[in-house]
Amino acid sequence: MVETANHQHALPAQSAPPPRPPTSLAVTRGPTWTPAEQLQQLQYCIHSNPSWPQTVLLAFQHYIVMLGTAVLIASALVPQMGGDNGDKARVIQSLLFMSGVNTLLQTLFGTRLPTVMGPSAAFTLPVLSIINDYSDRTFTSEHERFLHTMRTIQGSLIVSAFLNIVLGYSQAWGNLTRLFSPIIIVPVVCVVGLGLSMRGFPLLGNCVEIGLPMLILLVFCQQFLKRIHSKAHFIVERFALLFCIAIVWAFAAILTVAGAYNNVPERTKLSCRTDGSHLMSSAPWIKFPYPFQWGTPIFRASHVFGMIGAALVSSAESTGTFFAASRFAGATAPPAHVLSRSIGLQGIGMLIEGMFGSIVGTTASVENVGLLGLTHIGSRRVVQISTAFMIFFSIFGKFGAFFASIPLPIFAAIYCVLLGIVAAVGITFIQFANNNSMRNIYVLGVSLFLGISIPQYFVLNTTPNGHGPVGTPGGWFNDILNTIFSSPPTVAMTVGTLLDNTLEARETAVDRGLPWWKPFQHRKGDVRNEEFYNFPLRINQYIPTRFM
């Protein structure tokens, strides 16, 4: 039995359904389940914590999961910028360091949810635009071009960070989220996971011989092996990810040493070999990230505007991820003032990232929220301890490079499970609205489909150098629109908000779930808002119960 917080909130009374017409067929009714604000299988919620040995192992697990995104983004962008393996290693160190700092700030002063703040792929298009502008210029060396590109990215991040700061601390973002309802949250959270499908099996397929065994082993160990013996249940359920990574990574190392990838295409070598990243040989032993480590920032208006679009997208992505994290942490839906505070703090984090020379901005890590659901542990302390691993391995480069050399198909297999869990938890918000309303079905279906379909069109029609479907004479305008419409959560949030607040909005307030939703959008609307999100934490206010 595990002690945790389990608050139940009274739901509004539902009107009696109309009588059914008589039928000659006998219908056997099965069990029914009433809406539940908290997932029943959570073992530790936001305020309850595992033992310290378990906390440390779980924190290390969160570090490993977020590491894949940092390596993926750096591996895709740094070579195009003219950087070598040493530059890539130092960029990964900077990403890890800033992820640790931003995660600690967000869990202490932002949403205070157990969310890891990691690098955002939404900034890829603006960065590619900067790379293209310098590709035709003459530099003394490729390293000089890399430094010039990094300095321009720094300047763009610094300026664009003020958009999030203004949106957050002016309460503008919170006022926007007050227009949300459970009908909007469902597609937004769903596409937060589904929108990253290219990180799943398509990336796994680059090296099926290690990616597919990792996927099968993870599902088997985490879901089936735990049922063999009751004493080993919690160990396998919580730490199967680490065991599976170790086994498959060792298998990949054996294949590499045995020469299985000596006569294969270069792309296969990079995906399958454990030494394909060359990080171990190029990473420094000790290096402290420091402000303006790449040089003085360069500010160019055209690049700043493109980065502003990415900053807006990262806010939308983080918002959807925060709602998913609240479910897995046993907390209430994040109130409007908390979301504003978190987006403002995210802007401050981007400002610091620009100063420290990060290659992209920050967002809430979707895969780490999926890990909360996989392990059934939503403890905030676990995520806070994980920042120690991020900062430690960002400073001691050789040790960090050792884990960063895990082949990306192994991470892709993990994402196939974790991103699916996040997409599924979004569906649970529909229980607070009328599932049988044709109006709700219309809004939900259209926003969900367009949230996937429109970004898919933009992604498929974007060239490798970052030129998207929008091709006006203004490059900065193209970057903004291509970035916004390439983001599934942003599109789903925009379409869902417009439809849900214009189609019979007042007449269907109860069907939309607003009686349940509105108390959580105000600071004093529900007492649990203060318990979960206000700083400092009022520990004595929550009432612990027990899960069997």
Protein backbone atom coordinates (compact mmCIF):
# COMPACT_ATOMS: atom_id res chain seq x y z
CA MET A 1 0.00 0.00 0.00
CA VAL A 2 1.29 3.42 -0.92
CA GLU A 3 0.32 6.69 0.66
CA THR A 4 -0.74 9.36 -1.80
CA ALA A 5 -3.27 12.10 -2.40
CA ASN A 6 -6.66 11.08 -3.75
CA HIS A 7 -9.16 13.91 -3.89
CA GLN A 8 -12.57 13.43 -5.43
CA HIS A 9 -14.60 16.34 -6.72
CA ALA A 10 -18.36 16.32 -6.94
CA LEU A 11 -19.55 16.41 -10.53
CA PRO A 12 -22.68 18.25 -11.64
CA ALA A 13 -25.82 16.20 -11.77
CA GLN A 14 -26.59 14.84 -15.19
CA SER A 15 -30.07 15.09 -16.62
CA ALA A 16 -31.92 11.83 -16.99
CA PRO A 17 -31.65 10.34 -20.48
CA PRO A 18 -34.85 10.00 -22.52
CA PRO A 19 -36.61 6.63 -22.31
CA ARG A 20 -35.51 4.13 -24.89
CA PRO A 21 -38.04 2.73 -27.34
CA PRO A 22 -39.21 -0.78 -26.58
CA THR A 23 -37.25 -3.55 -28.19
CA SER A 24 -37.64 -7.26 -28.40
CA LEU A 25 -33.96 -7.90 -27.81
CA ALA A 26 -32.85 -8.51 -24.26
CA VAL A 27 -29.89 -6.31 -23.36
CA THR A 28 -27.56 -7.32 -20.59
CA ARG A 29 -26.00 -4.31 -18.96
CA GLY A 30 -22.41 -4.59 -17.84
CA PRO A 31 -20.70 -2.57 -15.12
CA THR A 32 -20.64 1.23 -15.44
CA TRP A 33 -17.90 3.60 -14.34
CA THR A 34 -18.51 7.13 -13.17
CA PRO A 35 -16.11 9.92 -14.14
CA ALA A 36 -13.00 9.97 -11.94
CA GLU A 37 -10.72 12.96 -11.65
CA GLN A 38 -7.77 10.86 -10.57
CA LEU A 39 -6.33 7.78 -12.22
CA GLN A 40 -6.91 4.90 -9.83
CA GLN A 41 -3.68 2.96 -10.47
CA LEU A 42 -1.29 5.77 -9.51
CA GLN A 43 1.14 4.58 -6.86
CA TYR A 44 2.72 7.93 -6.02
CA CYS A 45 1.16 11.30 -6.77
CA ILE A 46 2.61 14.78 -6.91
CA HIS A 47 3.17 15.15 -3.13
CA SER A 48 4.04 11.54 -2.23
CA ASN A 49 7.51 10.16 -2.80
CA PRO A 50 9.13 6.73 -3.17
CA SER A 51 12.06 5.73 -1.01
CA TRP A 52 15.33 7.51 -1.75
CA PRO A 53 17.01 4.58 -3.58
CA GLN A 54 13.95 4.24 -5.82
CA THR A 55 13.79 8.00 -6.31
CA VAL A 56 17.38 8.13 -7.53
CA LEU A 57 16.88 5.25 -9.99
CA LEU A 58 13.64 6.73 -11.29
CA ALA A 59 15.34 10.11 -11.66
CA PHE A 60 18.14 8.53 -13.67
CA GLN A 61 15.48 6.91 -15.84
CA HIS A 62 14.00 10.34 -16.58
CA TYR A 63 17.47 11.59 -17.54
CA ILE A 64 17.96 8.72 -19.99
CA VAL A 65 14.57 9.32 -21.62
CA MET A 66 15.12 13.05 -22.18
CA LEU A 67 18.65 12.43 -23.45
CA GLY A 68 17.34 10.95 -26.70
CA THR A 69 15.70 14.19 -27.82
CA ALA A 70 18.83 16.24 -27.08
CA VAL A 71 21.01 13.87 -29.09
CA LEU A 72 18.48 13.71 -31.93
CA ILE A 73 18.23 17.50 -32.31
CA ALA A 74 21.98 18.08 -32.02
CA SER A 75 22.78 15.28 -34.48
CA ALA A 76 20.36 16.75 -37.03
CA LEU A 77 21.40 20.41 -36.81
CA VAL A 78 25.06 20.69 -35.81
CA PRO A 79 26.54 19.01 -38.95
CA GLN A 80 24.46 21.34 -41.16
CA MET A 81 25.84 24.31 -39.23
CA GLY A 82 29.40 23.26 -40.03
CA GLY A 83 30.16 21.82 -36.60
CA ASP A 84 32.26 18.72 -36.01
CA ASN A 85 31.80 15.94 -33.46
CA GLY A 86 33.40 18.04 -30.74
CA ASP A 87 30.97 20.86 -31.41
CA LYS A 88 28.08 18.40 -31.30
CA ALA A 89 29.24 17.07 -27.94
CA ARG A 90 29.45 20.59 -26.49
CA VAL A 91 26.00 21.47 -27.87
CA ILE A 92 24.55 18.37 -26.20
CA GLN A 93 26.23 19.42 -22.95
CA SER A 94 24.61 22.86 -23.21
CA LEU A 95 21.19 21.32 -23.92
CA LEU A 96 21.50 19.03 -20.89
CA PHE A 97 22.62 21.85 -18.62
CA MET A 98 19.77 24.14 -19.62
CA SER A 99 17.25 21.28 -19.37
CA GLY A 100 18.34 20.74 -15.79
CA VAL A 101 18.11 24.43 -14.91
CA ASN A 102 14.73 24.95 -16.59
CA THR A 103 13.26 21.77 -15.09
CA LEU A 104 14.29 22.84 -11.62
CA LEU A 105 12.80 26.32 -12.13
CA GLN A 106 9.54 24.93 -13.52
CA THR A 107 9.04 22.35 -10.75
CA LEU A 108 9.82 24.90 -8.04
CA PHE A 109 8.20 28.09 -9.32
CA GLY A 110 6.27 27.31 -12.53
CA THR A 111 3.48 24.75 -12.81
CA ARG A 112 5.16 22.74 -10.03
CA LEU A 113 4.16 19.61 -11.95
CA PRO A 114 6.62 16.72 -12.47
CA THR A 115 7.53 17.77 -16.00
CA VAL A 116 11.01 17.74 -17.52
CA MET A 117 11.76 20.82 -19.61
CA GLY A 118 13.73 19.66 -22.62
CA PRO A 119 14.82 20.94 -26.04
CA SER A 120 12.00 21.66 -28.49
CA ALA A 121 11.95 20.47 -32.09
CA ALA A 122 9.63 23.38 -32.91
CA PHE A 123 12.73 25.58 -33.30
CA THR A 124 14.14 23.40 -36.08
CA LEU A 125 12.67 25.41 -38.98
CA PRO A 126 13.91 28.82 -37.74
CA VAL A 127 17.35 27.32 -37.08
CA LEU A 128 17.42 25.84 -40.60
CA SER A 129 16.51 29.27 -41.95
CA ILE A 130 19.54 30.74 -40.17
CA ILE A 131 21.74 27.93 -41.49
CA ASN A 132 20.57 28.59 -45.06
CA ASP A 133 21.36 32.30 -44.82
CA TYR A 134 24.99 31.52 -43.97
CA SER A 135 25.45 28.57 -46.32
CA ASP A 136 26.36 30.81 -49.28
CA ARG A 137 28.70 33.09 -47.36
CA THR A 138 32.44 32.69 -47.31
CA PHE A 139 34.07 31.78 -43.98
CA THR A 140 37.65 30.94 -43.14
CA SER A 141 36.56 27.48 -41.97
CA GLU A 142 33.50 25.37 -41.29
CA HIS A 143 34.03 25.89 -37.58
CA GLU A 144 33.84 29.65 -38.14
CA ARG A 145 30.50 29.18 -39.91
CA PHE A 146 29.30 27.08 -36.98
CA LEU A 147 30.23 29.78 -34.48
CA HIS A 148 28.59 32.50 -36.57
CA THR A 149 25.38 30.44 -36.81
CA MET A 150 25.38 29.75 -33.07
CA ARG A 151 25.78 33.43 -32.26
CA THR A 152 22.82 34.27 -34.50
CA ILE A 153 20.71 31.58 -32.82
CA GLN A 154 21.68 33.04 -29.45
CA GLY A 155 20.49 36.49 -30.41
CA SER A 156 17.22 35.19 -31.86
CA LEU A 157 16.47 33.15 -28.74
CA ILE A 158 17.16 36.10 -26.45
CA VAL A 159 14.74 38.39 -28.26
CA SER A 160 12.02 35.80 -28.91
CA ALA A 161 12.02 34.82 -25.23
CA PHE A 162 10.28 38.09 -24.42
CA LEU A 163 7.17 36.89 -26.27
CA ASN A 164 6.65 34.10 -23.73
CA ILE A 165 7.54 36.41 -20.87
CA VAL A 166 4.90 38.92 -21.98
CA LEU A 167 2.27 36.26 -22.74
CA GLY A 168 2.83 34.68 -19.36
CA TYR A 169 3.23 37.48 -16.87
CA SER A 170 0.59 39.66 -18.53
CA GLN A 171 -1.91 36.82 -17.90
CA ALA A 172 -2.73 36.80 -21.63
CA TRP A 173 -2.02 33.09 -21.94
CA GLY A 174 -4.17 32.32 -18.90
CA ASN A 175 -7.05 34.33 -20.35
CA LEU A 176 -6.77 32.24 -23.51
CA THR A 177 -6.89 28.96 -21.60
CA ARG A 178 -10.10 30.08 -19.87
CA LEU A 179 -11.74 29.55 -23.26
CA PHE A 180 -10.81 25.87 -23.12
CA SER A 181 -13.15 23.05 -22.19
CA PRO A 182 -12.61 19.28 -21.89
CA ILE A 183 -13.66 19.06 -25.55
CA ILE A 184 -10.61 21.16 -26.51
CA ILE A 185 -8.18 19.49 -24.14
CA VAL A 186 -8.82 16.03 -25.63
CA PRO A 187 -7.43 16.75 -29.14
CA VAL A 188 -4.67 19.03 -27.83
CA VAL A 189 -3.25 16.40 -25.48
CA CYS A 190 -3.80 13.59 -27.98
CA VAL A 191 -1.84 15.28 -30.75
CA VAL A 192 0.93 16.22 -28.31
CA GLY A 193 1.75 12.50 -28.42
CA LEU A 194 0.52 11.55 -31.89
CA GLY A 195 2.18 14.57 -33.49
CA LEU A 196 5.61 13.12 -32.66
CA SER A 197 4.93 9.86 -34.49
CA MET A 198 7.98 10.37 -36.72
CA ARG A 199 10.13 9.83 -33.65
CA GLY A 200 8.54 6.42 -33.21
CA PHE A 201 8.58 3.55 -35.67
CA PRO A 202 9.96 5.55 -38.64
CA LEU A 203 13.09 6.28 -36.57
CA LEU A 204 13.09 2.74 -35.20
CA GLY A 205 13.05 1.41 -38.78
CA ASN A 206 16.49 2.89 -39.43
CA CYS A 207 17.87 -0.09 -37.48
CA VAL A 208 15.20 -2.74 -37.03
CA GLU A 209 17.58 -5.34 -35.60
CA ILE A 210 18.01 -3.37 -32.38
CA GLY A 211 14.91 -1.14 -32.38
CA LEU A 212 12.32 -3.91 -32.74
CA PRO A 213 13.84 -6.13 -30.01
CA MET A 214 13.85 -3.10 -27.70
CA LEU A 215 10.15 -2.45 -28.35
CA ILE A 216 9.13 -6.09 -27.87
CA LEU A 217 11.32 -6.54 -24.79
CA LEU A 218 10.00 -3.38 -23.14
CA VAL A 219 6.35 -4.33 -23.63
CA PHE A 220 6.93 -7.92 -22.51
CA CYS A 221 8.99 -7.10 -19.42
CA GLN A 222 6.98 -4.10 -18.25
CA GLN A 223 3.51 -5.55 -18.80
CA PHE A 224 3.83 -9.35 -18.66
CA LEU A 225 6.96 -10.28 -16.75
CA LYS A 226 5.79 -8.32 -13.72
CA ARG A 227 2.91 -10.78 -13.30
CA ILE A 228 5.18 -13.76 -12.70
CA HIS A 229 5.93 -12.99 -9.06
CA SER A 230 4.23 -10.49 -6.76
CA LYS A 231 7.46 -9.42 -5.01
CA ALA A 232 9.10 -8.49 -8.29
CA HIS A 233 6.02 -6.65 -9.54
CA PHE A 234 6.98 -3.12 -8.56
CA ILE A 235 10.65 -3.57 -9.55
CA VAL A 236 9.85 -4.69 -13.07
CA GLU A 237 7.05 -2.16 -13.48
CA ARG A 238 9.19 0.80 -12.42
CA PHE A 239 12.63 -0.09 -13.73
CA ALA A 240 12.02 -2.34 -16.74
CA LEU A 241 13.05 0.53 -19.01
CA LEU A 242 16.57 0.62 -17.59
CA PHE A 243 16.95 -3.16 -17.76
CA CYS A 244 15.78 -3.29 -21.38
CA ILE A 245 18.06 -0.44 -22.46
CA ALA A 246 21.06 -2.19 -20.88
CA ILE A 247 20.27 -5.51 -22.57
CA VAL A 248 19.63 -4.14 -26.06
CA TRP A 249 22.52 -1.65 -25.83
CA ALA A 250 24.87 -4.52 -24.97
CA PHE A 251 23.44 -6.48 -27.89
CA ALA A 252 24.10 -3.54 -30.21
CA ALA A 253 27.67 -3.27 -28.89
CA ILE A 254 28.26 -6.96 -29.64
CA LEU A 255 27.00 -6.52 -33.20
CA THR A 256 29.26 -3.48 -33.61
CA VAL A 257 32.37 -5.24 -32.34
CA ALA A 258 31.58 -8.36 -34.38
CA GLY A 259 31.62 -6.28 -37.56
CA ALA A 260 27.98 -6.68 -38.45
CA TYR A 261 27.85 -3.09 -39.75
CA ASN A 262 31.17 -2.88 -41.55
CA ASN A 263 29.70 -3.22 -45.04
CA VAL A 264 26.41 -1.38 -44.75
CA PRO A 265 25.29 2.09 -45.95
CA GLU A 266 26.52 5.08 -43.97
CA ARG A 267 23.02 5.85 -42.68
CA THR A 268 22.75 2.36 -41.20
CA LYS A 269 26.13 2.74 -39.52
CA LEU A 270 25.06 5.98 -37.88
CA SER A 271 21.82 4.42 -36.61
CA CYS A 272 23.06 1.00 -35.50
CA ARG A 273 26.66 1.28 -34.35
CA THR A 274 27.27 2.18 -30.72
CA ASP A 275 30.32 4.21 -31.75
CA GLY A 276 28.62 5.94 -34.69
CA SER A 277 28.11 9.24 -32.88
CA HIS A 278 31.84 9.65 -32.06
CA LEU A 279 30.88 11.48 -28.89
CA MET A 280 33.14 9.59 -26.51
CA SER A 281 36.30 10.54 -28.36
CA SER A 282 35.34 14.19 -28.94
CA ALA A 283 33.63 15.18 -25.68
CA PRO A 284 35.76 17.09 -23.12
CA TRP A 285 36.32 15.56 -19.72
CA ILE A 286 35.14 18.63 -17.84
CA LYS A 287 33.51 21.73 -19.26
CA PHE A 288 31.28 24.22 -17.48
CA PRO A 289 28.69 25.87 -19.75
CA TYR A 290 28.90 29.62 -19.31
CA PRO A 291 27.14 32.68 -20.80
CA PHE A 292 28.08 33.63 -24.36
CA GLN A 293 30.42 30.66 -24.70
CA TRP A 294 30.13 30.82 -28.51
CA GLY A 295 30.75 34.56 -28.70
CA THR A 296 28.76 37.80 -28.80
CA PRO A 297 25.13 37.25 -29.92
CA ILE A 298 24.11 38.47 -33.37
CA PHE A 299 20.68 40.07 -33.69
CA ARG A 300 18.91 40.03 -37.05
CA ALA A 301 15.23 40.97 -37.32
CA SER A 302 14.38 38.37 -39.99
CA HIS A 303 15.68 35.53 -37.84
CA VAL A 304 14.10 36.90 -34.67
CA PHE A 305 10.61 36.85 -36.20
CA GLY A 306 11.02 33.24 -37.26
CA MET A 307 12.11 32.29 -33.76
CA ILE A 308 9.10 34.13 -32.29
CA GLY A 309 6.82 31.72 -34.16
CA ALA A 310 8.67 28.80 -32.59
CA ALA A 311 8.36 30.39 -29.14
CA LEU A 312 4.59 30.60 -29.59
CA VAL A 313 4.45 26.97 -30.71
CA SER A 314 6.49 25.83 -27.71
CA SER A 315 3.94 27.52 -25.43
CA ALA A 316 1.09 25.59 -27.03
CA GLU A 317 3.01 22.30 -26.86
CA SER A 318 3.92 22.84 -23.21
CA THR A 319 0.30 23.62 -22.33
CA GLY A 320 -0.92 20.31 -23.73
CA THR A 321 1.88 18.47 -21.98
CA PHE A 322 1.06 20.13 -18.65
CA PHE A 323 -2.52 18.86 -18.84
CA ALA A 324 -1.26 15.33 -19.48
CA ALA A 325 1.19 15.61 -16.58
CA SER A 326 -1.56 16.76 -14.23
CA ARG A 327 -3.47 13.52 -14.88
CA PHE A 328 -0.44 11.32 -14.26
CA ALA A 329 0.51 13.29 -11.14
CA GLY A 330 -2.92 13.06 -9.53
CA ALA A 331 -3.31 16.85 -9.63
CA THR A 332 -6.17 19.01 -10.82
CA ALA A 333 -6.23 20.53 -14.30
CA PRO A 334 -3.71 23.41 -14.25
CA PRO A 335 -5.52 26.68 -13.43
CA ALA A 336 -5.23 29.64 -15.77
CA HIS A 337 -2.95 31.63 -13.47
CA VAL A 338 -0.58 28.65 -13.16
CA LEU A 339 -0.36 28.22 -16.93
CA SER A 340 0.42 31.93 -17.31
CA ARG A 341 3.10 31.69 -14.66
CA SER A 342 4.65 28.63 -16.30
CA ILE A 343 4.74 30.17 -19.80
CA GLY A 344 6.31 33.33 -18.40
CA LEU A 345 8.95 31.25 -16.63
CA GLN A 346 9.48 29.27 -19.81
CA GLY A 347 10.30 32.57 -21.50
CA ILE A 348 12.85 33.35 -18.80
CA GLY A 349 14.32 29.91 -19.41
CA MET A 350 14.61 30.67 -23.13
CA LEU A 351 16.33 33.94 -22.29
CA ILE A 352 18.90 32.06 -20.21
CA GLU A 353 19.28 29.49 -23.00
CA GLY A 354 20.07 32.26 -25.44
CA MET A 355 22.72 33.57 -23.08
CA PHE A 356 24.27 30.13 -22.50
CA GLY A 357 24.24 29.25 -26.19
CA SER A 358 21.63 26.54 -26.48
CA ILE A 359 20.82 25.52 -30.05
CA VAL A 360 17.01 25.51 -29.56
CA GLY A 361 14.46 26.73 -27.04
CA THR A 362 12.73 24.72 -24.36
CA THR A 363 9.38 22.98 -23.97
CA ALA A 364 7.81 20.43 -21.65
CA SER A 365 9.11 16.98 -22.55
CA VAL A 366 6.27 14.75 -23.80
CA GLU A 367 8.24 11.52 -23.49
CA ASN A 368 9.04 12.16 -19.83
CA VAL A 369 5.34 12.69 -19.10
CA GLY A 370 4.73 9.34 -20.78
CA LEU A 371 7.27 7.84 -18.37
CA LEU A 372 5.10 9.04 -15.47
CA GLY A 373 2.27 6.95 -16.88
CA LEU A 374 4.50 3.97 -17.61
CA THR A 375 5.84 3.75 -14.06
CA HIS A 376 2.61 4.96 -12.36
CA ILE A 377 4.73 7.42 -10.37
CA GLY A 378 3.93 11.12 -10.63
CA SER A 379 6.17 12.31 -7.82
CA ARG A 380 7.58 15.80 -8.26
CA ARG A 381 10.67 14.94 -6.22
CA VAL A 382 11.72 12.30 -8.76
CA VAL A 383 11.82 14.85 -11.57
CA GLN A 384 13.62 17.38 -9.40
CA ILE A 385 16.33 14.83 -8.56
CA SER A 386 16.69 14.05 -12.28
CA THR A 387 18.00 17.59 -12.79
CA ALA A 388 21.09 16.62 -10.79
CA PHE A 389 21.91 13.98 -13.42
CA MET A 390 21.34 16.45 -16.25
CA ILE A 391 23.64 19.07 -14.75
CA PHE A 392 26.28 16.53 -13.65
CA PHE A 393 26.56 14.87 -17.06
CA SER A 394 26.55 18.26 -18.79
CA ILE A 395 29.68 19.23 -16.88
CA PHE A 396 31.54 15.89 -17.00
CA GLY A 397 31.35 15.42 -20.73
CA LYS A 398 32.94 11.99 -21.10
CA PHE A 399 30.42 10.41 -18.75
CA GLY A 400 27.53 12.12 -20.47
CA ALA A 401 28.83 11.10 -23.89
CA PHE A 402 28.85 7.47 -22.78
CA PHE A 403 25.07 7.47 -22.34
CA ALA A 404 24.54 9.77 -25.32
CA SER A 405 26.07 7.08 -27.53
CA ILE A 406 22.98 4.89 -27.09
CA PRO A 407 21.72 4.27 -30.66
CA LEU A 408 18.70 6.39 -31.54
CA PRO A 409 16.52 3.41 -32.62
CA ILE A 410 16.56 2.32 -28.97
CA PHE A 411 15.10 5.68 -27.98
CA ALA A 412 12.60 5.39 -30.85
CA ALA A 413 11.34 2.07 -29.45
CA ILE A 414 10.84 3.74 -26.08
CA TYR A 415 8.94 6.62 -27.70
CA CYS A 416 6.56 4.16 -29.38
CA VAL A 417 5.27 3.34 -25.90
CA LEU A 418 5.66 6.63 -24.04
CA LEU A 419 4.15 8.90 -26.69
CA GLY A 420 1.23 6.52 -27.09
CA ILE A 421 0.52 6.71 -23.36
CA VAL A 422 0.40 10.51 -23.52
CA ALA A 423 -1.96 10.41 -26.50
CA ALA A 424 -4.23 7.99 -24.65
CA VAL A 425 -4.42 10.04 -21.45
CA GLY A 426 -5.81 12.92 -23.48
CA ILE A 427 -8.85 10.79 -24.25
CA THR A 428 -9.67 10.53 -20.54
CA PHE A 429 -10.69 14.21 -20.43
CA ILE A 430 -13.77 13.42 -22.52
CA GLN A 431 -15.39 11.78 -19.48
CA PHE A 432 -16.09 15.23 -18.02
CA ALA A 433 -18.23 16.23 -21.03
CA ASN A 434 -21.23 14.67 -22.76
CA ASN A 435 -19.85 11.86 -24.91
CA ASN A 436 -23.19 11.42 -26.69
CA SER A 437 -23.49 15.00 -27.94
CA MET A 438 -23.24 15.15 -31.73
CA ARG A 439 -22.03 18.73 -31.39
CA ASN A 440 -19.14 17.61 -29.17
CA ILE A 441 -18.32 14.75 -31.52
CA TYR A 442 -18.12 17.22 -34.41
CA VAL A 443 -15.80 19.65 -32.59
CA LEU A 444 -13.62 16.86 -31.25
CA GLY A 445 -13.34 15.02 -34.56
CA VAL A 446 -12.59 18.04 -36.73
CA SER A 447 -10.01 19.55 -34.38
CA LEU A 448 -8.31 16.19 -33.83
CA PHE A 449 -8.12 15.34 -37.53
CA LEU A 450 -7.01 18.78 -38.68
CA GLY A 451 -4.51 18.89 -35.82
CA ILE A 452 -2.79 15.91 -37.43
CA SER A 453 -3.60 16.47 -41.12
CA ILE A 454 -2.55 20.11 -41.55
CA PRO A 455 0.91 19.69 -39.90
CA GLN A 456 1.41 16.51 -41.93
CA TYR A 457 0.89 18.52 -45.13
CA PHE A 458 3.41 21.13 -44.02
CA VAL A 459 5.97 18.51 -42.98
CA LEU A 460 5.66 16.54 -46.23
CA ASN A 461 6.06 19.72 -48.30
CA THR A 462 9.03 21.09 -46.38
CA THR A 463 12.41 20.64 -48.03
CA PRO A 464 15.42 19.34 -46.07
CA ASN A 465 16.81 22.89 -45.87
CA GLY A 466 13.64 24.16 -44.16
CA HIS A 467 11.63 25.77 -46.98
CA GLY A 468 7.95 25.06 -46.32
CA PRO A 469 4.71 25.43 -48.33
CA VAL A 470 4.35 29.12 -47.45
CA GLY A 471 6.63 30.86 -49.93
CA THR A 472 5.98 34.60 -49.87
CA PRO A 473 8.77 37.13 -50.58
CA GLY A 474 9.10 37.71 -46.83
CA GLY A 475 11.31 34.99 -45.40
CA TRP A 476 10.53 35.89 -41.79
CA PHE A 477 6.79 35.65 -42.51
CA ASN A 478 7.30 32.23 -44.12
CA ASP A 479 9.18 30.98 -41.07
CA ILE A 480 6.42 32.07 -38.69
CA LEU A 481 3.56 30.44 -40.62
CA ASN A 482 5.48 27.28 -41.55
CA THR A 483 6.49 26.81 -37.93
CA ILE A 484 3.00 27.41 -36.51
CA PHE A 485 1.18 25.17 -38.97
CA SER A 486 3.77 22.40 -38.61
CA SER A 487 2.83 22.03 -34.93
CA PRO A 488 -0.06 19.59 -34.24
CA PRO A 489 -0.88 20.96 -30.74
CA THR A 490 -0.98 24.55 -32.03
CA VAL A 491 -3.30 23.68 -34.92
CA ALA A 492 -5.55 21.49 -32.74
CA MET A 493 -5.73 24.20 -30.06
CA THR A 494 -6.60 26.89 -32.61
CA VAL A 495 -9.26 24.89 -34.45
CA GLY A 496 -10.77 23.44 -31.28
CA THR A 497 -10.98 26.81 -29.51
CA LEU A 498 -12.65 28.49 -32.48
CA LEU A 499 -15.22 25.74 -33.01
CA ASP A 500 -15.99 25.05 -29.36
CA ASN A 501 -16.60 28.73 -28.54
CA THR A 502 -18.67 29.55 -31.62
CA LEU A 503 -20.91 26.52 -32.20
CA GLU A 504 -23.84 26.77 -29.77
CA ALA A 505 -21.41 27.56 -26.98
CA ARG A 506 -23.88 29.02 -24.47
CA GLU A 507 -26.67 26.54 -25.14
CA THR A 508 -24.37 23.55 -24.62
CA ALA A 509 -22.37 24.72 -21.60
CA VAL A 510 -23.30 21.63 -19.57
CA ASP A 511 -22.60 19.26 -22.45
CA ARG A 512 -19.17 20.89 -22.91
CA GLY A 513 -18.29 20.09 -19.30
CA LEU A 514 -17.99 23.71 -18.18
CA PRO A 515 -19.58 23.16 -14.73
CA TRP A 516 -16.71 20.78 -13.95
CA TRP A 517 -14.07 22.83 -15.76
CA LYS A 518 -14.62 26.40 -14.55
CA PRO A 519 -13.65 25.98 -10.86
CA PHE A 520 -10.16 24.94 -11.89
CA GLN A 521 -9.63 28.10 -13.97
CA HIS A 522 -9.66 30.46 -11.01
CA ARG A 523 -7.22 30.86 -8.19
CA LYS A 524 -9.88 30.41 -5.50
CA GLY A 525 -12.24 28.27 -7.58
CA ASP A 526 -11.20 24.98 -5.97
CA VAL A 527 -9.16 24.51 -2.81
CA ARG A 528 -6.96 21.92 -4.49
CA ASN A 529 -5.64 24.56 -6.87
CA GLU A 530 -3.82 26.11 -3.93
CA GLU A 531 -2.68 22.72 -2.60
CA PHE A 532 -1.07 21.57 -5.82
CA TYR A 533 0.20 24.71 -7.50
CA ASN A 534 0.64 27.63 -5.11
CA PHE A 535 4.08 28.47 -3.79
CA PRO A 536 5.11 27.79 -1.12
CA LEU A 537 3.41 24.42 -0.83
CA ARG A 538 0.89 24.09 1.98
CA ILE A 539 1.61 20.50 2.86
CA ASN A 540 -0.75 20.29 5.80
CA GLN A 541 -3.80 21.08 3.68
CA TYR A 542 -4.09 17.86 1.71
CA ILE A 543 -5.66 14.72 3.14
CA PRO A 544 -3.78 11.49 2.36
CA THR A 545 -5.62 8.28 1.62
CA ARG A 546 -4.36 4.89 0.59
CA PHE A 547 -4.44 2.90 -2.62
CA MET A 548 -4.49 -0.87 -2.38
